Structure formats: C-alpha cells, structure tokens
C-alpha cells in the first residue's frame, strides 16, 4: 500500500525545498522507489531534485488540443493523452517524477488536472511512497488533486499572514471533508522565538506545529547557483530540521 505525502501552502514559503528534502531523507533510509509529483503550475521540483524535464502534462494536453500532434489511427484522444503522459514520466534511479506544468488555454487546467488524478491513481500502485508538491494556495485542494493522503504538511513562513493562510487550508480540508490521515503545520525561515510570538495565530489554525525549519544560508547559495537542493550538505540546518520533522511524524 502506498504511503502518500502531500505538501501545501502559499507561494514562497519553501514548499519545494521541503518536498525535495523529504524525498532525500526517504531515499537515505531505503524507502524507495518514490513517485514524486509536481502538481504546481509553476513547476520547479525537478530543479530541486536535479532532474531534467522534457514535457509536462499541460504541454501534452495543449499540443493535442491545438492539433499540433495528430491522433494515431485507432486511438481516442484520452487514450493518446494517457500514452503521452506515460512517456512524460521522468525516470531516475530511485525516484520517478511526474510534472503537471502550466495552465492550458485561458488559465484553466481542469482537464489536465482530471487526467493527472486518474493517472496517479493507477501509477502510484507501483510505488511504496508518493510525495506531491502542490501549487501555491488552495485550488489543488478544492479540485481534489490532493485527497486521500496519509500526511499533509502545510508549510508557512514566520509571518502572521502566512500562518493565517495555513489556517484557511485547514478550514478548506475540513469543509470539503478530504480524507487526510495526519495534517501538520511547518514554519520555515523562523526561530523558536518567532514561533512563540506567533503562538496565538498558530493556535487559531487548529493545526499541530510539528517543526521549524530555520533560515539556511546553504539553501540560499544553492538557489543562487542553480544547484539542486537535494544535494545540500548532510549537516545543513534545513536538512537536519526536515529529518527531525519526518521522525516526529513517524515517517522515518
């Protein structure tokens, strides 16, 4: 049975950094193979993992919708899209990556989103672990891309506005009754004193704070030099913090 881990939160809080380090820590202890899913329209999980992307699901859908790729004889549109999605899966040694990509048409990616959901449901059966990096905000939840997961980590930076955004994610999960096993709050780019100052806001969210990821100069430097976050040093503060979080959650 697949253990499903999803990451949510507003833009710029460090979701992709956290997701890539979750994958790193799982692989380190032999929890593999992993299906990684980048469900963010602004996809960059591949860069954090050091993997090359040739085509996303949104690219495939757009090409077929605009008749840039004729359908082979005897295949329906849905069959051909599924075939192309299979081809788009980026295969690594221990982790395979599926990339959603940008919106189709006038900003709608409902069709690609539905295909992603259906395809993942079948594909994940081949993996003991699936880790999904979701888009900024809450649309992935309302469209039910993220559902029936074992662990949902809601990531916030150390600001009241971001904490309130995390609280709205919790409210949405509860209101549409998504099947989430455990849901935790993570505060990034902060310190214990920052969290103490935000205690009232955190309490209002109803989320359990499972850990703090401190500011990490290594992350800044790796981003600056376009180096994969996956390759951070073992003693990097962000790496150590993510490892502790996964242990507390019972994943490691």
C-alpha atoms as a PDB file:
ATOM      1  CA  UNK A   1       0.000   0.000   0.000  1.00  0.00           C
ATOM      2  CA  UNK A   2       1.358   3.419  -0.988  1.00  0.00           C
ATOM      3  CA  UNK A   3       2.227   5.954   1.718  1.00  0.00           C
ATOM      4  CA  UNK A   4       1.104   9.312   0.325  1.00  0.00           C
ATOM      5  CA  UNK A   5       2.693  12.573   1.452  1.00  0.00           C
ATOM      6  CA  UNK A   6       1.499  15.966   0.210  1.00  0.00           C
ATOM      7  CA  UNK A   7       2.816  19.481   0.778  1.00  0.00           C
ATOM      8  CA  UNK A   8       0.653  22.625   0.684  1.00  0.00           C
ATOM      9  CA  UNK A   9       0.985  26.330   1.482  1.00  0.00           C
ATOM     10  CA  UNK A  10       1.120  29.810  -0.010  1.00  0.00           C
ATOM     11  CA  UNK A  11       3.784  30.808  -2.521  1.00  0.00           C
ATOM     12  CA  UNK A  12       7.360  31.480  -1.460  1.00  0.00           C
ATOM     13  CA  UNK A  13       7.287  29.665   1.875  1.00  0.00           C
ATOM     14  CA  UNK A  14       9.632  26.834   0.879  1.00  0.00           C
ATOM     15  CA  UNK A  15       7.275  24.023  -0.157  1.00  0.00           C
ATOM     16  CA  UNK A  16       9.531  22.753  -2.927  1.00  0.00           C
ATOM     17  CA  UNK A  17      12.629  22.858  -0.725  1.00  0.00           C
ATOM     18  CA  UNK A  18      10.788  20.861   1.924  1.00  0.00           C
ATOM     19  CA  UNK A  19       9.425  18.379  -0.650  1.00  0.00           C
ATOM     20  CA  UNK A  20      12.843  17.706  -2.169  1.00  0.00           C
ATOM     21  CA  UNK A  21      14.378  17.139   1.274  1.00  0.00           C
ATOM     22  CA  UNK A  22      11.551  14.783   2.242  1.00  0.00           C
ATOM     23  CA  UNK A  23      12.398  12.714  -0.841  1.00  0.00           C
ATOM     24  CA  UNK A  24      16.101  12.844   0.036  1.00  0.00           C
ATOM     25  CA  UNK A  25      15.517  11.579   3.585  1.00  0.00           C
ATOM     26  CA  UNK A  26      13.191   8.786   2.464  1.00  0.00           C
ATOM     27  CA  UNK A  27      15.757   7.538  -0.056  1.00  0.00           C
ATOM     28  CA  UNK A  28      18.541   7.719   2.531  1.00  0.00           C
ATOM     29  CA  UNK A  29      16.811   5.152   4.725  1.00  0.00           C
ATOM     30  CA  UNK A  30      15.882   2.891   1.827  1.00  0.00           C
ATOM     31  CA  UNK A  31      12.218   3.872   1.456  1.00  0.00           C
ATOM     32  CA  UNK A  32      12.089   3.543  -2.310  1.00  0.00           C
ATOM     33  CA  UNK A  33      11.160   3.723  -5.113  1.00  0.00           C
ATOM     34  CA  UNK A  34       9.324   7.037  -4.812  1.00  0.00           C
ATOM     35  CA  UNK A  35       6.834   8.633  -7.168  1.00  0.00           C
ATOM     36  CA  UNK A  36       7.349  12.401  -6.993  1.00  0.00           C
ATOM     37  CA  UNK A  37       4.546  14.567  -8.383  1.00  0.00           C
ATOM     38  CA  UNK A  38       4.972  18.254  -9.140  1.00  0.00           C
ATOM     39  CA  UNK A  39       1.372  19.485  -9.207  1.00  0.00           C
ATOM     40  CA  UNK A  40       2.409  23.147  -9.193  1.00  0.00           C
ATOM     41  CA  UNK A  41       1.602  25.069 -12.369  1.00  0.00           C
ATOM     42  CA  UNK A  42       4.911  26.880 -11.761  1.00  0.00           C
ATOM     43  CA  UNK A  43       6.854  23.623 -11.714  1.00  0.00           C
ATOM     44  CA  UNK A  44      10.386  23.577 -10.267  1.00  0.00           C
ATOM     45  CA  UNK A  45      10.596  20.395  -8.202  1.00  0.00           C
ATOM     46  CA  UNK A  46      12.726  18.891 -10.973  1.00  0.00           C
ATOM     47  CA  UNK A  47      15.344  21.607 -10.417  1.00  0.00           C
ATOM     48  CA  UNK A  48      15.390  20.953  -6.667  1.00  0.00           C
ATOM     49  CA  UNK A  49      15.916  17.248  -7.402  1.00  0.00           C
ATOM     50  CA  UNK A  50      18.421  17.765 -10.215  1.00  0.00           C
ATOM     51  CA  UNK A  51      16.207  16.133 -12.877  1.00  0.00           C
ATOM     52  CA  UNK A  52      15.576  17.250 -16.470  1.00  0.00           C
ATOM     53  CA  UNK A  53      12.013  17.778 -17.725  1.00  0.00           C
ATOM     54  CA  UNK A  54      11.237  17.477 -21.431  1.00  0.00           C
ATOM     55  CA  UNK A  55       7.447  17.737 -21.379  1.00  0.00           C
ATOM     56  CA  UNK A  56       4.746  18.318 -18.780  1.00  0.00           C
ATOM     57  CA  UNK A  57       1.160  17.057 -18.743  1.00  0.00           C
ATOM     58  CA  UNK A  58      -0.068  20.565 -19.583  1.00  0.00           C
ATOM     59  CA  UNK A  59       2.292  20.643 -22.602  1.00  0.00           C
ATOM     60  CA  UNK A  60       0.882  17.346 -23.832  1.00  0.00           C
ATOM     61  CA  UNK A  61      -2.738  18.458 -23.436  1.00  0.00           C
ATOM     62  CA  UNK A  62      -2.065  21.799 -25.164  1.00  0.00           C
ATOM     63  CA  UNK A  63      -0.350  20.176 -28.155  1.00  0.00           C
ATOM     64  CA  UNK A  64      -3.156  17.678 -28.675  1.00  0.00           C
ATOM     65  CA  UNK A  65      -5.900  20.286 -28.110  1.00  0.00           C
ATOM     66  CA  UNK A  66      -4.295  22.582 -30.698  1.00  0.00           C
ATOM     67  CA  UNK A  67      -3.903  19.735 -33.193  1.00  0.00           C
ATOM     68  CA  UNK A  68      -0.120  20.016 -33.084  1.00  0.00           C
ATOM     69  CA  UNK A  69       0.042  16.279 -32.597  1.00  0.00           C
ATOM     70  CA  UNK A  70      -2.345  14.199 -34.720  1.00  0.00           C
ATOM     71  CA  UNK A  71      -4.012  11.226 -33.071  1.00  0.00           C
ATOM     72  CA  UNK A  72      -2.726   7.807 -34.214  1.00  0.00           C
ATOM     73  CA  UNK A  73      -5.283   5.696 -36.047  1.00  0.00           C
ATOM     74  CA  UNK A  74      -7.457   3.656 -33.718  1.00  0.00           C
ATOM     75  CA  UNK A  75      -6.731   5.723 -30.582  1.00  0.00           C
ATOM     76  CA  UNK A  76      -9.137   8.045 -28.820  1.00  0.00           C
ATOM     77  CA  UNK A  77      -7.979  11.408 -27.517  1.00  0.00           C
ATOM     78  CA  UNK A  78      -7.980  10.186 -23.911  1.00  0.00           C
ATOM     79  CA  UNK A  79      -6.044   7.032 -24.828  1.00  0.00           C
ATOM     80  CA  UNK A  80      -3.414   9.043 -26.665  1.00  0.00           C
ATOM     81  CA  UNK A  81      -3.075  11.559 -23.840  1.00  0.00           C
ATOM     82  CA  UNK A  82      -2.591   8.698 -21.360  1.00  0.00           C
ATOM     83  CA  UNK A  83       0.039   7.175 -23.643  1.00  0.00           C
ATOM     84  CA  UNK A  84       1.889  10.501 -23.841  1.00  0.00           C
ATOM     85  CA  UNK A  85       1.662  11.014 -20.068  1.00  0.00           C
ATOM     86  CA  UNK A  86       3.325   7.638 -19.610  1.00  0.00           C
ATOM     87  CA  UNK A  87       6.100   8.851 -21.871  1.00  0.00           C
ATOM     88  CA  UNK A  88       6.463  12.074 -19.874  1.00  0.00           C
ATOM     89  CA  UNK A  89       7.313  10.242 -16.641  1.00  0.00           C
ATOM     90  CA  UNK A  90      10.906  11.139 -15.783  1.00  0.00           C
ATOM     91  CA  UNK A  91      12.613   8.019 -14.504  1.00  0.00           C
ATOM     92  CA  UNK A  92      15.506   8.202 -12.051  1.00  0.00           C
ATOM     93  CA  UNK A  93      17.401   5.508 -10.168  1.00  0.00           C
ATOM     94  CA  UNK A  94      15.111   5.519  -7.133  1.00  0.00           C
ATOM     95  CA  UNK A  95      12.655   8.342  -7.810  1.00  0.00           C
ATOM     96  CA  UNK A  96      10.392   8.960 -10.798  1.00  0.00           C
ATOM     97  CA  UNK A  97       8.897  12.404 -11.429  1.00  0.00           C
ATOM     98  CA  UNK A  98       5.610  13.442 -12.992  1.00  0.00           C
ATOM     99  CA  UNK A  99       5.183  17.147 -13.792  1.00  0.00           C
ATOM    100  CA  UNK A 100       1.815  18.891 -14.106  1.00  0.00           C
ATOM    101  CA  UNK A 101       3.065  22.081 -15.789  1.00  0.00           C
ATOM    102  CA  UNK A 102       1.349  25.387 -16.549  1.00  0.00           C
ATOM    103  CA  UNK A 103      -2.301  26.179 -17.221  1.00  0.00           C
ATOM    104  CA  UNK A 104      -3.948  25.377 -20.526  1.00  0.00           C
ATOM    105  CA  UNK A 105      -5.954  27.840 -22.601  1.00  0.00           C
ATOM    106  CA  UNK A 106      -7.216  30.862 -20.714  1.00  0.00           C
ATOM    107  CA  UNK A 107      -5.802  29.771 -17.363  1.00  0.00           C
ATOM    108  CA  UNK A 108      -7.886  26.601 -16.964  1.00  0.00           C
ATOM    109  CA  UNK A 109      -6.149  23.327 -16.371  1.00  0.00           C
ATOM    110  CA  UNK A 110      -9.170  21.315 -15.216  1.00  0.00           C
ATOM    111  CA  UNK A 111      -8.838  18.731 -17.980  1.00  0.00           C
ATOM    112  CA  UNK A 112      -5.114  18.206 -17.312  1.00  0.00           C
ATOM    113  CA  UNK A 113      -5.886  18.108 -13.609  1.00  0.00           C
ATOM    114  CA  UNK A 114      -8.511  15.386 -14.055  1.00  0.00           C
ATOM    115  CA  UNK A 115      -6.088  13.363 -16.155  1.00  0.00           C
ATOM    116  CA  UNK A 116      -3.408  13.767 -13.516  1.00  0.00           C
ATOM    117  CA  UNK A 117      -5.751  12.473 -10.814  1.00  0.00           C
ATOM    118  CA  UNK A 118      -6.769   9.439 -12.826  1.00  0.00           C
ATOM    119  CA  UNK A 119      -3.249   8.637 -13.940  1.00  0.00           C
ATOM    120  CA  UNK A 120      -1.782   8.954 -10.437  1.00  0.00           C
ATOM    121  CA  UNK A 121      -4.427   6.616  -9.031  1.00  0.00           C
ATOM    122  CA  UNK A 122      -3.116   3.843 -11.292  1.00  0.00           C
ATOM    123  CA  UNK A 123       0.564   4.764 -11.302  1.00  0.00           C
ATOM    124  CA  UNK A 124       1.057   5.065  -7.542  1.00  0.00           C
ATOM    125  CA  UNK A 125       0.237   1.370  -7.072  1.00  0.00           C
ATOM    126  CA  UNK A 126       3.770   0.658  -8.317  1.00  0.00           C
ATOM    127  CA  UNK A 127       5.436   2.725  -5.577  1.00  0.00           C
ATOM    128  CA  UNK A 128       5.591   2.312  -1.790  1.00  0.00           C
ATOM    129  CA  UNK A 129       5.858   6.119  -1.414  1.00  0.00           C
ATOM    130  CA  UNK A 130       4.384   9.074  -3.275  1.00  0.00           C
ATOM    131  CA  UNK A 131       5.370  12.680  -2.486  1.00  0.00           C
ATOM    132  CA  UNK A 132       3.376  15.539  -4.055  1.00  0.00           C
ATOM    133  CA  UNK A 133       4.430  19.181  -4.205  1.00  0.00           C
ATOM    134  CA  UNK A 134       1.258  21.211  -4.730  1.00  0.00           C
ATOM    135  CA  UNK A 135       0.692  24.623  -6.228  1.00  0.00           C
ATOM    136  CA  UNK A 136       0.582  27.750  -4.091  1.00  0.00           C
ATOM    137  CA  UNK A 137      -2.751  28.411  -2.427  1.00  0.00           C
ATOM    138  CA  UNK A 138      -5.763  26.136  -2.097  1.00  0.00           C
ATOM    139  CA  UNK A 139      -7.014  25.302  -5.599  1.00  0.00           C
ATOM    140  CA  UNK A 140      -5.345  21.895  -5.631  1.00  0.00           C
ATOM    141  CA  UNK A 141      -7.426  21.053  -2.560  1.00  0.00           C
ATOM    142  CA  UNK A 142     -10.736  22.365  -3.901  1.00  0.00           C
ATOM    143  CA  UNK A 143     -10.127  20.487  -7.179  1.00  0.00           C
ATOM    144  CA  UNK A 144      -9.250  17.419  -5.097  1.00  0.00           C
ATOM    145  CA  UNK A 145      -5.848  16.817  -6.673  1.00  0.00           C
ATOM    146  CA  UNK A 146      -4.735  16.350  -3.080  1.00  0.00           C
ATOM    147  CA  UNK A 147      -7.024  13.871  -1.372  1.00  0.00           C
ATOM    148  CA  UNK A 148      -6.854  10.563   0.465  1.00  0.00           C
ATOM    149  CA  UNK A 149      -3.297  11.232   1.616  1.00  0.00           C
ATOM    150  CA  UNK A 150      -1.619   9.874   4.714  1.00  0.00           C
ATOM    151  CA  UNK A 151       0.321  13.038   5.602  1.00  0.00           C
ATOM    152  CA  UNK A 152      -0.424  16.617   4.618  1.00  0.00           C
ATOM    153  CA  UNK A 153       2.251  19.133   5.607  1.00  0.00           C
ATOM    154  CA  UNK A 154       1.033  22.727   5.486  1.00  0.00           C
ATOM    155  CA  UNK A 155       4.062  24.993   5.126  1.00  0.00           C
ATOM    156  CA  UNK A 156       4.128  28.601   6.331  1.00  0.00           C
ATOM    157  CA  UNK A 157       6.884  31.129   6.802  1.00  0.00           C
ATOM    158  CA  UNK A 158       7.275  33.025  10.073  1.00  0.00           C
ATOM    159  CA  UNK A 159       4.667  35.684   9.369  1.00  0.00           C
ATOM    160  CA  UNK A 160       1.141  36.161  10.656  1.00  0.00           C
ATOM    161  CA  UNK A 161      -0.239  36.472   7.116  1.00  0.00           C
ATOM    162  CA  UNK A 162       1.243  33.145   6.063  1.00  0.00           C
ATOM    163  CA  UNK A 163       0.064  31.431   9.251  1.00  0.00           C
ATOM    164  CA  UNK A 164      -3.481  32.651   8.554  1.00  0.00           C
ATOM    165  CA  UNK A 165      -3.197  31.243   5.027  1.00  0.00           C
ATOM    166  CA  UNK A 166      -2.256  27.875   6.552  1.00  0.00           C
ATOM    167  CA  UNK A 167      -5.332  28.116   8.752  1.00  0.00           C
ATOM    168  CA  UNK A 168      -7.542  28.646   5.697  1.00  0.00           C
ATOM    169  CA  UNK A 169      -6.104  25.480   4.162  1.00  0.00           C
ATOM    170  CA  UNK A 170      -7.118  23.587   7.306  1.00  0.00           C
ATOM    171  CA  UNK A 171     -10.622  25.097   7.110  1.00  0.00           C
ATOM    172  CA  UNK A 172     -10.972  24.043   3.475  1.00  0.00           C
ATOM    173  CA  UNK A 173      -9.801  20.493   4.182  1.00  0.00           C
ATOM    174  CA  UNK A 174     -12.395  20.233   6.929  1.00  0.00           C
ATOM    175  CA  UNK A 175     -15.214  21.839   4.921  1.00  0.00           C
ATOM    176  CA  UNK A 176     -14.902  19.592   1.861  1.00  0.00           C
ATOM    177  CA  UNK A 177     -14.089  16.561   4.001  1.00  0.00           C
ATOM    178  CA  UNK A 178     -10.872  15.472   2.321  1.00  0.00           C
ATOM    179  CA  UNK A 179      -9.592  12.148   3.590  1.00  0.00           C
ATOM    180  CA  UNK A 180      -6.330  13.225   5.246  1.00  0.00           C
ATOM    181  CA  UNK A 181      -4.636  10.894   7.716  1.00  0.00           C
ATOM    182  CA  UNK A 182      -2.493  13.427   9.599  1.00  0.00           C
ATOM    183  CA  UNK A 183      -2.112  17.143   8.969  1.00  0.00           C
ATOM    184  CA  UNK A 184       0.756  19.209  10.370  1.00  0.00           C
ATOM    185  CA  UNK A 185       1.986  22.792  10.279  1.00  0.00           C
ATOM    186  CA  UNK A 186       5.617  23.573   9.492  1.00  0.00           C
ATOM    187  CA  UNK A 187       7.104  27.043   9.982  1.00  0.00           C
ATOM    188  CA  UNK A 188      10.036  27.916   7.734  1.00  0.00           C
ATOM    189  CA  UNK A 189      12.609  30.712   7.823  1.00  0.00           C
ATOM    190  CA  UNK A 190      11.969  31.234  11.524  1.00  0.00           C
ATOM    191  CA  UNK A 191      13.202  30.552  15.049  1.00  0.00           C
ATOM    192  CA  UNK A 192      11.598  29.322  18.289  1.00  0.00           C
ATOM    193  CA  UNK A 193      11.225  32.947  19.391  1.00  0.00           C
ATOM    194  CA  UNK A 194       9.394  33.780  16.156  1.00  0.00           C
ATOM    195  CA  UNK A 195       7.046  30.874  16.739  1.00  0.00           C
ATOM    196  CA  UNK A 196       6.439  31.978  20.304  1.00  0.00           C
ATOM    197  CA  UNK A 197       5.481  35.442  19.034  1.00  0.00           C
ATOM    198  CA  UNK A 198       3.087  33.802  16.555  1.00  0.00           C
ATOM    199  CA  UNK A 199       1.610  31.369  19.081  1.00  0.00           C
ATOM    200  CA  UNK A 200      -1.828  32.974  19.129  1.00  0.00           C
ATOM    201  CA  UNK A 201      -2.088  32.895  15.332  1.00  0.00           C
ATOM    202  CA  UNK A 202      -0.817  29.312  15.215  1.00  0.00           C
ATOM    203  CA  UNK A 203      -3.334  28.191  17.833  1.00  0.00           C
ATOM    204  CA  UNK A 204      -6.165  29.699  15.773  1.00  0.00           C
ATOM    205  CA  UNK A 205      -5.314  27.485  12.800  1.00  0.00           C
ATOM    206  CA  UNK A 206      -6.133  24.283  14.646  1.00  0.00           C
ATOM    207  CA  UNK A 207      -3.017  22.739  13.117  1.00  0.00           C
ATOM    208  CA  UNK A 208      -0.401  20.858  15.104  1.00  0.00           C
ATOM    209  CA  UNK A 209       3.004  22.512  14.753  1.00  0.00           C
ATOM    210  CA  UNK A 210       5.439  19.699  14.090  1.00  0.00           C
ATOM    211  CA  UNK A 211       8.626  21.638  13.422  1.00  0.00           C
ATOM    212  CA  UNK A 212      10.542  24.757  12.488  1.00  0.00           C
ATOM    213  CA  UNK A 213      12.932  24.955   9.545  1.00  0.00           C
ATOM    214  CA  UNK A 214      15.422  27.735  10.304  1.00  0.00           C
ATOM    215  CA  UNK A 215      16.898  30.128   7.737  1.00  0.00           C
ATOM    216  CA  UNK A 216      19.653  28.230   5.958  1.00  0.00           C
ATOM    217  CA  UNK A 217      22.406  30.043   4.076  1.00  0.00           C
ATOM    218  CA  UNK A 218      23.142  26.836   2.181  1.00  0.00           C
ATOM    219  CA  UNK A 219      19.658  26.877   0.658  1.00  0.00           C
ATOM    220  CA  UNK A 220      20.162  30.486  -0.430  1.00  0.00           C
ATOM    221  CA  UNK A 221      23.538  29.694  -2.003  1.00  0.00           C
ATOM    222  CA  UNK A 222      22.271  26.585  -3.784  1.00  0.00           C
ATOM    223  CA  UNK A 223      19.347  28.544  -5.223  1.00  0.00           C
ATOM    224  CA  UNK A 224      21.700  31.341  -6.259  1.00  0.00           C
ATOM    225  CA  UNK A 225      23.960  28.894  -8.090  1.00  0.00           C
ATOM    226  CA  UNK A 226      21.092  26.774  -9.509  1.00  0.00           C
ATOM    227  CA  UNK A 227      22.345  23.719  -7.643  1.00  0.00           C
ATOM    228  CA  UNK A 228      19.842  21.010  -6.638  1.00  0.00           C
ATOM    229  CA  UNK A 229      18.546  21.458  -3.087  1.00  0.00           C
ATOM    230  CA  UNK A 230      18.597  17.659  -2.915  1.00  0.00           C
ATOM    231  CA  UNK A 231      22.415  17.862  -2.732  1.00  0.00           C
ATOM    232  CA  UNK A 232      22.595  20.064   0.380  1.00  0.00           C
ATOM    233  CA  UNK A 233      25.293  19.075   2.905  1.00  0.00           C
ATOM    234  CA  UNK A 234      24.285  16.491   5.491  1.00  0.00           C
ATOM    235  CA  UNK A 235      24.730  18.962   8.337  1.00  0.00           C
ATOM    236  CA  UNK A 236      22.742  21.730   6.662  1.00  0.00           C
ATOM    237  CA  UNK A 237      20.210  23.187   9.151  1.00  0.00           C
ATOM    238  CA  UNK A 238      17.318  22.668   6.700  1.00  0.00           C
ATOM    239  CA  UNK A 239      18.257  19.017   6.164  1.00  0.00           C
ATOM    240  CA  UNK A 240      18.500  18.331   9.884  1.00  0.00           C
ATOM    241  CA  UNK A 241      15.172  20.074  10.548  1.00  0.00           C
ATOM    242  CA  UNK A 242      13.332  18.089   7.857  1.00  0.00           C
ATOM    243  CA  UNK A 243      14.811  14.850   9.183  1.00  0.00           C
ATOM    244  CA  UNK A 244      13.539  15.666  12.688  1.00  0.00           C
ATOM    245  CA  UNK A 245      10.083  16.511  11.339  1.00  0.00           C
ATOM    246  CA  UNK A 246       9.806  13.211   9.483  1.00  0.00           C
ATOM    247  CA  UNK A 247      10.872  11.320  12.602  1.00  0.00           C
ATOM    248  CA  UNK A 248       8.255  13.110  14.716  1.00  0.00           C
ATOM    249  CA  UNK A 249       5.599  12.298  12.139  1.00  0.00           C
ATOM    250  CA  UNK A 250       6.573   8.617  12.256  1.00  0.00           C
ATOM    251  CA  UNK A 251       7.574   8.540   8.582  1.00  0.00           C
ATOM    252  CA  UNK A 252      11.238   7.697   9.244  1.00  0.00           C
END
